[in-house]
Amino acid sequence: MQHIQFIHTILYVNDQQLSTEFYTKLFRQNPELNVPGMTEFQLAKNFKLGLMPNKGIAKILADKTPHPDKGNGIPRCELYLYVENIEWEYTNAITAGAQLISEIKDRDWGDKVCYFADLDGHIIAFAEK
């Protein structure tokens, strides 16, 4: 029995509205939730991606960690997404305004992968087995 039943990953973003527009284009779907302080995209049956403004999480973290604004533009995470058609996702990411990091290539771990960065420097990888 798996004890983790659902995965909700939250990216801290500088501008929630701009990031929401970017990810709406990238995922070709509207967010399931879009309120001040949180945007959520249901990407798979057991996976949701959230976007939270840096200032929102900073209130929760208080002075326990550096302010998230200090990390903008620095890769802080990677979304590694297995897809059905990597060429389609590659073209769509370019159209959505993602920054190309690496073209589609066969990688030595057996996947075909391309890499992009979002508006905050988070890395997005589209992969096929």
C-alpha atoms as a PDB file:
ATOM      1  CA  MET A   1       0.000   0.000   0.000  1.00  0.00           C
ATOM      2  CA  GLN A   2       1.375   3.390  -0.986  1.00  0.00           C
ATOM      3  CA  HIS A   3       1.182   5.959   1.766  1.00  0.00           C
ATOM      4  CA  ILE A   4       1.430   8.952  -0.620  1.00  0.00           C
ATOM      5  CA  GLN A   5      -1.899   9.260  -2.368  1.00  0.00           C
ATOM      6  CA  PHE A   6      -1.619  12.510  -4.278  1.00  0.00           C
ATOM      7  CA  ILE A   7       1.197  14.810  -5.382  1.00  0.00           C
ATOM      8  CA  HIS A   8       0.755  18.580  -5.308  1.00  0.00           C
ATOM      9  CA  THR A   9       3.903  20.428  -6.332  1.00  0.00           C
ATOM     10  CA  ILE A  10       3.976  24.191  -5.824  1.00  0.00           C
ATOM     11  CA  LEU A  11       6.311  26.523  -7.684  1.00  0.00           C
ATOM     12  CA  TYR A  12       7.105  29.872  -6.111  1.00  0.00           C
ATOM     13  CA  VAL A  13       6.784  32.563  -8.773  1.00  0.00           C
ATOM     14  CA  ASN A  14       7.534  36.261  -9.002  1.00  0.00           C
ATOM     15  CA  ASP A  15       4.315  37.190 -10.839  1.00  0.00           C
ATOM     16  CA  GLN A  16       1.362  34.845 -10.387  1.00  0.00           C
ATOM     17  CA  GLN A  17      -0.636  36.337 -13.273  1.00  0.00           C
ATOM     18  CA  LEU A  18       2.207  36.144 -15.814  1.00  0.00           C
ATOM     19  CA  SER A  19       3.095  32.611 -14.705  1.00  0.00           C
ATOM     20  CA  THR A  20      -0.570  31.575 -14.927  1.00  0.00           C
ATOM     21  CA  GLU A  21      -0.741  32.875 -18.501  1.00  0.00           C
ATOM     22  CA  PHE A  22       2.522  31.089 -19.369  1.00  0.00           C
ATOM     23  CA  TYR A  23       1.476  27.728 -17.919  1.00  0.00           C
ATOM     24  CA  THR A  24      -2.026  28.001 -19.432  1.00  0.00           C
ATOM     25  CA  LYS A  25      -0.344  28.204 -22.863  1.00  0.00           C
ATOM     26  CA  LEU A  26       2.257  25.566 -22.028  1.00  0.00           C
ATOM     27  CA  PHE A  27      -0.266  23.011 -20.764  1.00  0.00           C
ATOM     28  CA  ARG A  28      -3.009  24.067 -23.206  1.00  0.00           C
ATOM     29  CA  GLN A  29      -5.540  24.091 -20.386  1.00  0.00           C
ATOM     30  CA  ASN A  30      -7.027  26.550 -17.959  1.00  0.00           C
ATOM     31  CA  PRO A  31      -6.192  26.304 -14.274  1.00  0.00           C
ATOM     32  CA  GLU A  32      -8.583  24.407 -12.041  1.00  0.00           C
ATOM     33  CA  LEU A  33      -8.156  27.102  -9.382  1.00  0.00           C
ATOM     34  CA  ASN A  34      -6.991  30.684  -9.864  1.00  0.00           C
ATOM     35  CA  VAL A  35      -7.387  32.942  -6.852  1.00  0.00           C
ATOM     36  CA  PRO A  36      -5.091  35.554  -5.336  1.00  0.00           C
ATOM     37  CA  GLY A  37      -2.234  33.595  -3.795  1.00  0.00           C
ATOM     38  CA  MET A  38      -2.665  30.271  -5.642  1.00  0.00           C
ATOM     39  CA  THR A  39      -3.167  28.894  -9.135  1.00  0.00           C
ATOM     40  CA  GLU A  40      -3.564  25.126  -9.666  1.00  0.00           C
ATOM     41  CA  PHE A  41      -3.392  22.954 -12.771  1.00  0.00           C
ATOM     42  CA  GLN A  42      -4.590  19.338 -12.639  1.00  0.00           C
ATOM     43  CA  LEU A  43      -1.985  17.663 -14.880  1.00  0.00           C
ATOM     44  CA  ALA A  44      -2.654  14.002 -14.183  1.00  0.00           C
ATOM     45  CA  LYS A  45      -5.006  11.908 -12.087  1.00  0.00           C
ATOM     46  CA  ASN A  46      -2.746  12.106  -9.039  1.00  0.00           C
ATOM     47  CA  PHE A  47      -0.703  15.248  -9.776  1.00  0.00           C
ATOM     48  CA  LYS A  48      -1.505  18.926  -9.405  1.00  0.00           C
ATOM     49  CA  LEU A  49       0.863  21.831 -10.068  1.00  0.00           C
ATOM     50  CA  GLY A  50       0.422  25.010  -8.063  1.00  0.00           C
ATOM     51  CA  LEU A  51       1.790  28.506  -8.585  1.00  0.00           C
ATOM     52  CA  MET A  52       2.245  30.614  -5.456  1.00  0.00           C
ATOM     53  CA  PRO A  53       3.643  34.144  -5.384  1.00  0.00           C
ATOM     54  CA  ASN A  54       7.006  34.534  -3.661  1.00  0.00           C
ATOM     55  CA  LYS A  55       5.487  37.066  -1.283  1.00  0.00           C
ATOM     56  CA  GLY A  56       2.773  34.588  -0.257  1.00  0.00           C
ATOM     57  CA  ILE A  57       5.147  31.820   0.761  1.00  0.00           C
ATOM     58  CA  ALA A  58       7.479  34.376   2.376  1.00  0.00           C
ATOM     59  CA  LYS A  59       4.719  35.115   4.922  1.00  0.00           C
ATOM     60  CA  ILE A  60       4.608  31.436   5.868  1.00  0.00           C
ATOM     61  CA  LEU A  61       8.390  30.949   5.936  1.00  0.00           C
ATOM     62  CA  ALA A  62       8.895  34.201   7.875  1.00  0.00           C
ATOM     63  CA  ASP A  63      12.595  34.576   8.701  1.00  0.00           C
ATOM     64  CA  LYS A  64      13.335  30.829   8.793  1.00  0.00           C
ATOM     65  CA  THR A  65      14.721  30.747   5.214  1.00  0.00           C
ATOM     66  CA  PRO A  66      15.939  33.341   2.699  1.00  0.00           C
ATOM     67  CA  HIS A  67      13.160  35.277   0.953  1.00  0.00           C
ATOM     68  CA  PRO A  68      12.139  33.500  -2.304  1.00  0.00           C
ATOM     69  CA  ASP A  69      12.721  36.725  -4.300  1.00  0.00           C
ATOM     70  CA  LYS A  70      16.457  36.142  -3.767  1.00  0.00           C
ATOM     71  CA  GLY A  71      16.228  32.974  -5.876  1.00  0.00           C
ATOM     72  CA  ASN A  72      14.397  34.336  -8.930  1.00  0.00           C
ATOM     73  CA  GLY A  73      15.975  33.290 -12.208  1.00  0.00           C
ATOM     74  CA  ILE A  74      17.988  30.548 -10.507  1.00  0.00           C
ATOM     75  CA  PRO A  75      16.859  26.994 -11.304  1.00  0.00           C
ATOM     76  CA  ARG A  76      15.259  25.802  -8.075  1.00  0.00           C
ATOM     77  CA  CYS A  77      13.409  22.751  -9.339  1.00  0.00           C
ATOM     78  CA  GLU A  78      12.711  20.656 -12.412  1.00  0.00           C
ATOM     79  CA  LEU A  79       9.375  19.433 -13.693  1.00  0.00           C
ATOM     80  CA  TYR A  80      10.123  16.222 -15.594  1.00  0.00           C
ATOM     81  CA  LEU A  81       6.996  15.446 -17.597  1.00  0.00           C
ATOM     82  CA  TYR A  82       6.540  12.268 -19.628  1.00  0.00           C
ATOM     83  CA  VAL A  83       4.468  13.087 -22.711  1.00  0.00           C
ATOM     84  CA  GLU A  84       2.924  11.303 -25.678  1.00  0.00           C
ATOM     85  CA  ASN A  85       4.439  13.499 -28.403  1.00  0.00           C
ATOM     86  CA  ILE A  86       7.662  15.271 -27.522  1.00  0.00           C
ATOM     87  CA  GLU A  87       7.898  17.149 -30.830  1.00  0.00           C
ATOM     88  CA  TRP A  88       4.450  18.661 -30.261  1.00  0.00           C
ATOM     89  CA  GLU A  89       5.353  19.688 -26.702  1.00  0.00           C
ATOM     90  CA  TYR A  90       8.656  21.149 -27.905  1.00  0.00           C
ATOM     91  CA  THR A  91       6.939  23.316 -30.520  1.00  0.00           C
ATOM     92  CA  ASN A  92       4.222  24.354 -28.078  1.00  0.00           C
ATOM     93  CA  ALA A  93       6.784  25.341 -25.421  1.00  0.00           C
ATOM     94  CA  ILE A  94       8.573  27.591 -27.926  1.00  0.00           C
ATOM     95  CA  THR A  95       5.229  29.165 -28.887  1.00  0.00           C
ATOM     96  CA  ALA A  96       4.313  29.648 -25.199  1.00  0.00           C
ATOM     97  CA  GLY A  97       7.513  31.626 -24.655  1.00  0.00           C
ATOM     98  CA  ALA A  98       9.561  29.075 -22.716  1.00  0.00           C
ATOM     99  CA  GLN A  99      13.317  29.607 -22.832  1.00  0.00           C
ATOM    100  CA  LEU A 100      14.992  26.742 -24.688  1.00  0.00           C
ATOM    101  CA  ILE A 101      17.763  25.143 -22.652  1.00  0.00           C
ATOM    102  CA  SER A 102      18.396  21.956 -24.647  1.00  0.00           C
ATOM    103  CA  GLU A 103      16.973  20.568 -27.894  1.00  0.00           C
ATOM    104  CA  ILE A 104      15.311  17.152 -28.078  1.00  0.00           C
ATOM    105  CA  LYS A 105      18.045  14.544 -27.610  1.00  0.00           C
ATOM    106  CA  ASP A 106      18.375  10.897 -26.721  1.00  0.00           C
ATOM    107  CA  ARG A 107      19.821  10.886 -23.203  1.00  0.00           C
ATOM    108  CA  ASP A 108      22.113   8.256 -21.750  1.00  0.00           C
ATOM    109  CA  TRP A 109      19.444   7.180 -19.217  1.00  0.00           C
ATOM    110  CA  GLY A 110      17.217   5.991 -22.054  1.00  0.00           C
ATOM    111  CA  ASP A 111      14.770   8.887 -22.440  1.00  0.00           C
ATOM    112  CA  LYS A 112      14.393  11.349 -25.301  1.00  0.00           C
ATOM    113  CA  VAL A 113      14.230  14.765 -23.564  1.00  0.00           C
ATOM    114  CA  CYS A 114      14.180  18.509 -24.211  1.00  0.00           C
ATOM    115  CA  TYR A 115      14.649  21.177 -21.560  1.00  0.00           C
ATOM    116  CA  PHE A 116      13.167  24.650 -21.109  1.00  0.00           C
ATOM    117  CA  ALA A 117      13.034  27.324 -18.401  1.00  0.00           C
ATOM    118  CA  ASP A 118       9.913  29.171 -17.303  1.00  0.00           C
ATOM    119  CA  LEU A 119       9.660  32.868 -16.414  1.00  0.00           C
ATOM    120  CA  ASP A 120      11.246  32.285 -12.989  1.00  0.00           C
ATOM    121  CA  GLY A 121      14.026  29.963 -14.147  1.00  0.00           C
ATOM    122  CA  HIS A 122      12.311  26.713 -13.109  1.00  0.00           C
ATOM    123  CA  ILE A 123      13.350  23.909 -15.458  1.00  0.00           C
ATOM    124  CA  ILE A 124      10.720  22.044 -17.481  1.00  0.00           C
ATOM    125  CA  ALA A 125      11.681  18.814 -19.197  1.00  0.00           C
ATOM    126  CA  PHE A 126       9.479  16.993 -21.702  1.00  0.00           C
ATOM    127  CA  ALA A 127      10.415  13.348 -22.047  1.00  0.00           C
ATOM    128  CA  GLU A 128       9.495  10.200 -23.925  1.00  0.00           C
ATOM    129  CA  LYS A 129      10.589   6.693 -23.001  1.00  0.00           C
END
